[in-house]
Amino acid sequence: MPAYLIVQIKVTRPESWSDYRAAVGPLAQRFGGRYLIRGAEVEVLEGSHDGRRLVVFEFPTMEAIHSFWDSPAYSELKKLRAGAGELDVWAVPGVQVSP
């Protein structure tokens, strides 16, 4: 069952963020992840949005998300983003779709 990694980002140092951004997508792909949303403008239909960027990855399973997140390679990427942005990150399982 697919699972989703949802990230809200406030970039605080754009010059340092670009290396992280360039590397995270290809690394996610190695674990079966792919972008569904990547920093697109959020249109508020109800409620509010705090202006942060929104990124959504789809992975094949929750286990794949954890394999990516806990990998030594991602630990190295986290060092690239240190001090360059503030993130909230959530992992959410998808729903089983019946035919």
N, C-alpha and C. Protein backbone atom coordinates (compact mmCIF):
# COMPACT_ATOMS: atom_id res chain seq x y z
N MET A 1 0.85 -1.17 0.00
CA MET A 1 0.00 0.00 0.00
C MET A 1 0.90 1.24 0.00
N PRO A 2 0.62 2.22 -0.85
CA PRO A 2 1.47 3.40 -0.91
C PRO A 2 1.45 4.16 0.42
N ALA A 3 2.51 4.92 0.62
CA ALA A 3 2.63 5.77 1.80
C ALA A 3 3.22 7.10 1.35
N TYR A 4 2.99 8.12 2.14
CA TYR A 4 3.34 9.47 1.73
C TYR A 4 4.21 10.16 2.77
N LEU A 5 5.25 10.80 2.30
CA LEU A 5 6.12 11.61 3.13
C LEU A 5 5.76 13.06 2.82
N ILE A 6 5.24 13.76 3.82
CA ILE A 6 4.74 15.12 3.64
C ILE A 6 5.66 16.06 4.41
N VAL A 7 6.11 17.10 3.73
CA VAL A 7 7.09 18.00 4.32
C VAL A 7 6.62 19.44 4.13
N GLN A 8 6.66 20.22 5.21
CA GLN A 8 6.47 21.67 5.10
C GLN A 8 7.81 22.30 5.43
N ILE A 9 8.22 23.24 4.59
CA ILE A 9 9.58 23.78 4.66
C ILE A 9 9.56 25.30 4.66
N LYS A 10 10.35 25.85 5.55
CA LYS A 10 10.68 27.27 5.50
C LYS A 10 12.18 27.34 5.26
N VAL A 11 12.58 27.75 4.07
CA VAL A 11 13.99 27.85 3.73
C VAL A 11 14.53 29.12 4.37
N THR A 12 15.59 28.97 5.15
CA THR A 12 16.18 30.11 5.85
C THR A 12 17.49 30.57 5.22
N ARG A 13 18.16 29.68 4.49
CA ARG A 13 19.40 30.01 3.77
C ARG A 13 19.34 29.37 2.39
N PRO A 14 18.74 30.06 1.41
CA PRO A 14 18.58 29.48 0.08
C PRO A 14 19.88 29.02 -0.57
N GLU A 15 20.97 29.72 -0.32
CA GLU A 15 22.24 29.35 -0.94
C GLU A 15 22.73 27.99 -0.47
N SER A 16 22.37 27.60 0.74
CA SER A 16 22.76 26.30 1.27
C SER A 16 21.72 25.22 0.97
N TRP A 17 20.51 25.62 0.72
CA TRP A 17 19.41 24.68 0.50
C TRP A 17 19.52 23.97 -0.85
N SER A 18 20.09 24.61 -1.84
CA SER A 18 20.07 24.08 -3.21
C SER A 18 20.79 22.74 -3.33
N ASP A 19 21.87 22.52 -2.61
CA ASP A 19 22.57 21.23 -2.67
C ASP A 19 21.70 20.11 -2.12
N TYR A 20 21.02 20.39 -1.02
CA TYR A 20 20.12 19.40 -0.42
C TYR A 20 18.98 19.08 -1.40
N ARG A 21 18.35 20.11 -1.93
CA ARG A 21 17.21 19.93 -2.84
C ARG A 21 17.61 19.11 -4.07
N ALA A 22 18.80 19.35 -4.59
CA ALA A 22 19.26 18.62 -5.78
C ALA A 22 19.50 17.14 -5.49
N ALA A 23 19.86 16.81 -4.26
CA ALA A 23 20.23 15.43 -3.93
C ALA A 23 19.08 14.59 -3.36
N VAL A 24 18.09 15.22 -2.74
CA VAL A 24 17.07 14.44 -2.02
C VAL A 24 16.16 13.65 -2.97
N GLY A 25 15.79 14.21 -4.10
CA GLY A 25 14.91 13.50 -5.04
C GLY A 25 15.53 12.22 -5.58
N PRO A 26 16.74 12.28 -6.11
CA PRO A 26 17.38 11.05 -6.59
C PRO A 26 17.57 10.01 -5.49
N LEU A 27 17.87 10.45 -4.27
CA LEU A 27 18.00 9.49 -3.18
C LEU A 27 16.66 8.84 -2.86
N ALA A 28 15.60 9.62 -2.81
CA ALA A 28 14.27 9.06 -2.57
C ALA A 28 13.92 8.02 -3.63
N GLN A 29 14.30 8.28 -4.88
CA GLN A 29 14.02 7.33 -5.96
C GLN A 29 14.69 5.98 -5.71
N ARG A 30 15.86 5.99 -5.11
CA ARG A 30 16.55 4.73 -4.79
C ARG A 30 15.74 3.87 -3.83
N PHE A 31 14.84 4.48 -3.08
CA PHE A 31 14.00 3.75 -2.13
C PHE A 31 12.56 3.63 -2.63
N GLY A 32 12.35 3.91 -3.91
CA GLY A 32 11.02 3.78 -4.51
C GLY A 32 10.17 5.02 -4.40
N GLY A 33 10.74 6.13 -3.93
CA GLY A 33 9.97 7.36 -3.77
C GLY A 33 9.95 8.20 -5.02
N ARG A 34 8.90 9.00 -5.12
CA ARG A 34 8.79 9.95 -6.23
C ARG A 34 8.01 11.17 -5.75
N TYR A 35 8.36 12.33 -6.34
CA TYR A 35 7.65 13.55 -6.01
C TYR A 35 6.22 13.50 -6.53
N LEU A 36 5.29 13.92 -5.71
CA LEU A 36 3.94 14.22 -6.17
C LEU A 36 3.71 15.72 -6.17
N ILE A 37 4.27 16.39 -5.17
CA ILE A 37 4.19 17.84 -5.05
C ILE A 37 5.57 18.33 -4.65
N ARG A 38 6.02 19.38 -5.32
CA ARG A 38 7.36 19.89 -5.00
C ARG A 38 7.34 21.42 -4.98
N GLY A 39 6.96 21.96 -3.84
CA GLY A 39 7.05 23.40 -3.63
C GLY A 39 6.09 24.25 -4.42
N ALA A 40 5.02 23.66 -4.95
CA ALA A 40 4.05 24.42 -5.73
C ALA A 40 3.29 25.41 -4.85
N GLU A 41 2.73 26.42 -5.46
CA GLU A 41 1.93 27.41 -4.76
C GLU A 41 0.70 26.73 -4.17
N VAL A 42 0.43 26.99 -2.90
CA VAL A 42 -0.74 26.42 -2.22
C VAL A 42 -1.91 27.38 -2.38
N GLU A 43 -3.02 26.87 -2.89
CA GLU A 43 -4.24 27.65 -3.00
C GLU A 43 -5.14 27.28 -1.83
N VAL A 44 -5.41 28.23 -0.95
CA VAL A 44 -6.22 27.98 0.23
C VAL A 44 -7.69 28.03 -0.17
N LEU A 45 -8.39 26.92 0.03
CA LEU A 45 -9.82 26.86 -0.24
C LEU A 45 -10.64 27.06 1.03
N GLU A 46 -10.03 26.73 2.16
CA GLU A 46 -10.69 26.92 3.45
C GLU A 46 -9.61 26.89 4.52
N GLY A 47 -9.78 27.64 5.57
CA GLY A 47 -8.77 27.67 6.63
C GLY A 47 -7.62 28.58 6.24
N SER A 48 -6.40 28.19 6.62
CA SER A 48 -5.25 29.05 6.37
C SER A 48 -4.04 28.21 5.99
N HIS A 49 -3.06 28.88 5.44
CA HIS A 49 -1.77 28.27 5.12
C HIS A 49 -0.71 29.24 5.60
N ASP A 50 0.33 28.73 6.22
CA ASP A 50 1.34 29.60 6.82
C ASP A 50 2.44 30.05 5.86
N GLY A 51 2.32 29.71 4.59
CA GLY A 51 3.26 30.19 3.59
C GLY A 51 4.45 29.30 3.33
N ARG A 52 4.60 28.23 4.12
CA ARG A 52 5.74 27.34 3.90
C ARG A 52 5.55 26.53 2.62
N ARG A 53 6.68 26.11 2.04
CA ARG A 53 6.65 25.23 0.87
C ARG A 53 6.08 23.88 1.29
N LEU A 54 5.42 23.24 0.37
CA LEU A 54 4.85 21.93 0.61
C LEU A 54 5.47 20.95 -0.39
N VAL A 55 5.96 19.82 0.15
CA VAL A 55 6.52 18.76 -0.68
C VAL A 55 5.86 17.46 -0.25
N VAL A 56 5.46 16.66 -1.24
CA VAL A 56 4.87 15.34 -0.96
C VAL A 56 5.56 14.32 -1.85
N PHE A 57 6.08 13.28 -1.19
CA PHE A 57 6.66 12.13 -1.89
C PHE A 57 5.70 10.95 -1.72
N GLU A 58 5.61 10.13 -2.75
CA GLU A 58 4.91 8.85 -2.63
C GLU A 58 5.96 7.75 -2.61
N PHE A 59 5.83 6.84 -1.66
CA PHE A 59 6.68 5.66 -1.55
C PHE A 59 5.80 4.43 -1.64
N PRO A 60 6.36 3.28 -1.97
CA PRO A 60 5.53 2.08 -2.09
C PRO A 60 4.95 1.60 -0.76
N THR A 61 5.64 1.87 0.34
CA THR A 61 5.19 1.40 1.66
C THR A 61 5.74 2.33 2.75
N MET A 62 5.19 2.21 3.95
CA MET A 62 5.73 2.93 5.10
C MET A 62 7.16 2.44 5.39
N GLU A 63 7.39 1.15 5.18
CA GLU A 63 8.73 0.60 5.41
C GLU A 63 9.76 1.27 4.49
N ALA A 64 9.36 1.53 3.25
CA ALA A 64 10.27 2.20 2.31
C ALA A 64 10.60 3.61 2.79
N ILE A 65 9.60 4.31 3.35
CA ILE A 65 9.87 5.65 3.91
C ILE A 65 10.90 5.55 5.02
N HIS A 66 10.70 4.59 5.93
CA HIS A 66 11.63 4.45 7.05
C HIS A 66 13.02 4.02 6.57
N SER A 67 13.08 3.19 5.56
CA SER A 67 14.39 2.80 5.01
C SER A 67 15.12 4.01 4.45
N PHE A 68 14.40 4.86 3.74
CA PHE A 68 14.96 6.11 3.21
C PHE A 68 15.39 7.02 4.36
N TRP A 69 14.47 7.31 5.27
CA TRP A 69 14.69 8.26 6.35
C TRP A 69 15.85 7.85 7.27
N ASP A 70 15.96 6.55 7.52
CA ASP A 70 16.96 6.03 8.45
C ASP A 70 18.27 5.63 7.77
N SER A 71 18.36 5.82 6.46
CA SER A 71 19.55 5.38 5.73
C SER A 71 20.76 6.26 6.04
N PRO A 72 21.95 5.68 5.98
CA PRO A 72 23.18 6.47 6.14
C PRO A 72 23.28 7.59 5.09
N ALA A 73 22.80 7.31 3.88
CA ALA A 73 22.88 8.33 2.81
C ALA A 73 22.01 9.54 3.16
N TYR A 74 20.81 9.30 3.73
CA TYR A 74 19.97 10.44 4.10
C TYR A 74 20.54 11.17 5.31
N SER A 75 21.18 10.45 6.21
CA SER A 75 21.84 11.11 7.34
C SER A 75 22.86 12.13 6.85
N GLU A 76 23.56 11.79 5.78
CA GLU A 76 24.52 12.72 5.19
C GLU A 76 23.81 13.93 4.58
N LEU A 77 22.65 13.69 3.92
CA LEU A 77 21.90 14.81 3.33
C LEU A 77 21.38 15.75 4.40
N LYS A 78 20.98 15.20 5.53
CA LYS A 78 20.50 16.06 6.62
C LYS A 78 21.57 17.07 7.02
N LYS A 79 22.83 16.68 6.92
CA LYS A 79 23.92 17.61 7.24
C LYS A 79 23.94 18.79 6.26
N LEU A 80 23.58 18.53 4.99
CA LEU A 80 23.53 19.60 4.00
C LEU A 80 22.46 20.63 4.32
N ARG A 81 21.35 20.17 4.87
CA ARG A 81 20.24 21.10 5.14
C ARG A 81 20.33 21.74 6.52
N ALA A 82 21.26 21.30 7.36
CA ALA A 82 21.38 21.83 8.71
C ALA A 82 21.55 23.35 8.67
N GLY A 83 20.66 24.04 9.33
CA GLY A 83 20.71 25.49 9.39
C GLY A 83 20.19 26.20 8.15
N ALA A 84 19.81 25.44 7.12
CA ALA A 84 19.35 26.05 5.88
C ALA A 84 17.83 26.10 5.78
N GLY A 85 17.15 25.37 6.66
CA GLY A 85 15.69 25.36 6.61
C GLY A 85 15.10 24.77 7.87
N GLU A 86 13.83 25.09 8.07
CA GLU A 86 13.06 24.54 9.17
C GLU A 86 11.98 23.65 8.56
N LEU A 87 11.89 22.41 9.06
CA LEU A 87 10.98 21.43 8.46
C LEU A 87 10.04 20.82 9.49
N ASP A 88 8.86 20.51 9.04
CA ASP A 88 7.95 19.58 9.70
C ASP A 88 7.78 18.45 8.70
N VAL A 89 7.93 17.21 9.17
CA VAL A 89 7.89 16.06 8.27
C VAL A 89 6.96 15.01 8.86
N TRP A 90 6.06 14.48 8.03
CA TRP A 90 5.11 13.46 8.45
C TRP A 90 5.13 12.29 7.47
N ALA A 91 4.99 11.09 8.00
CA ALA A 91 4.82 9.89 7.17
C ALA A 91 3.40 9.40 7.40
N VAL A 92 2.68 9.16 6.30
CA VAL A 92 1.27 8.80 6.38
C VAL A 92 0.99 7.62 5.45
N PRO A 93 0.39 6.54 5.98
CA PRO A 93 0.02 5.45 5.08
C PRO A 93 -1.15 5.85 4.20
N GLY A 94 -1.15 5.34 2.97
CA GLY A 94 -2.25 5.56 2.06
C GLY A 94 -3.41 4.62 2.39
N VAL A 95 -4.44 4.69 1.59
CA VAL A 95 -5.60 3.81 1.79
C VAL A 95 -5.60 2.72 0.74
N GLN A 96 -6.13 1.59 1.12
CA GLN A 96 -6.30 0.47 0.18
C GLN A 96 -7.47 0.79 -0.73
N VAL A 97 -7.22 0.82 -2.01
CA VAL A 97 -8.27 1.12 -2.99
C VAL A 97 -8.83 -0.18 -3.52
N SER A 98 -10.13 -0.35 -3.40
CA SER A 98 -10.79 -1.55 -3.91
C SER A 98 -11.11 -1.35 -5.38
N PRO A 99 -11.00 -2.45 -6.16
CA PRO A 99 -11.31 -2.33 -7.60
C PRO A 99 -12.78 -2.07 -7.86
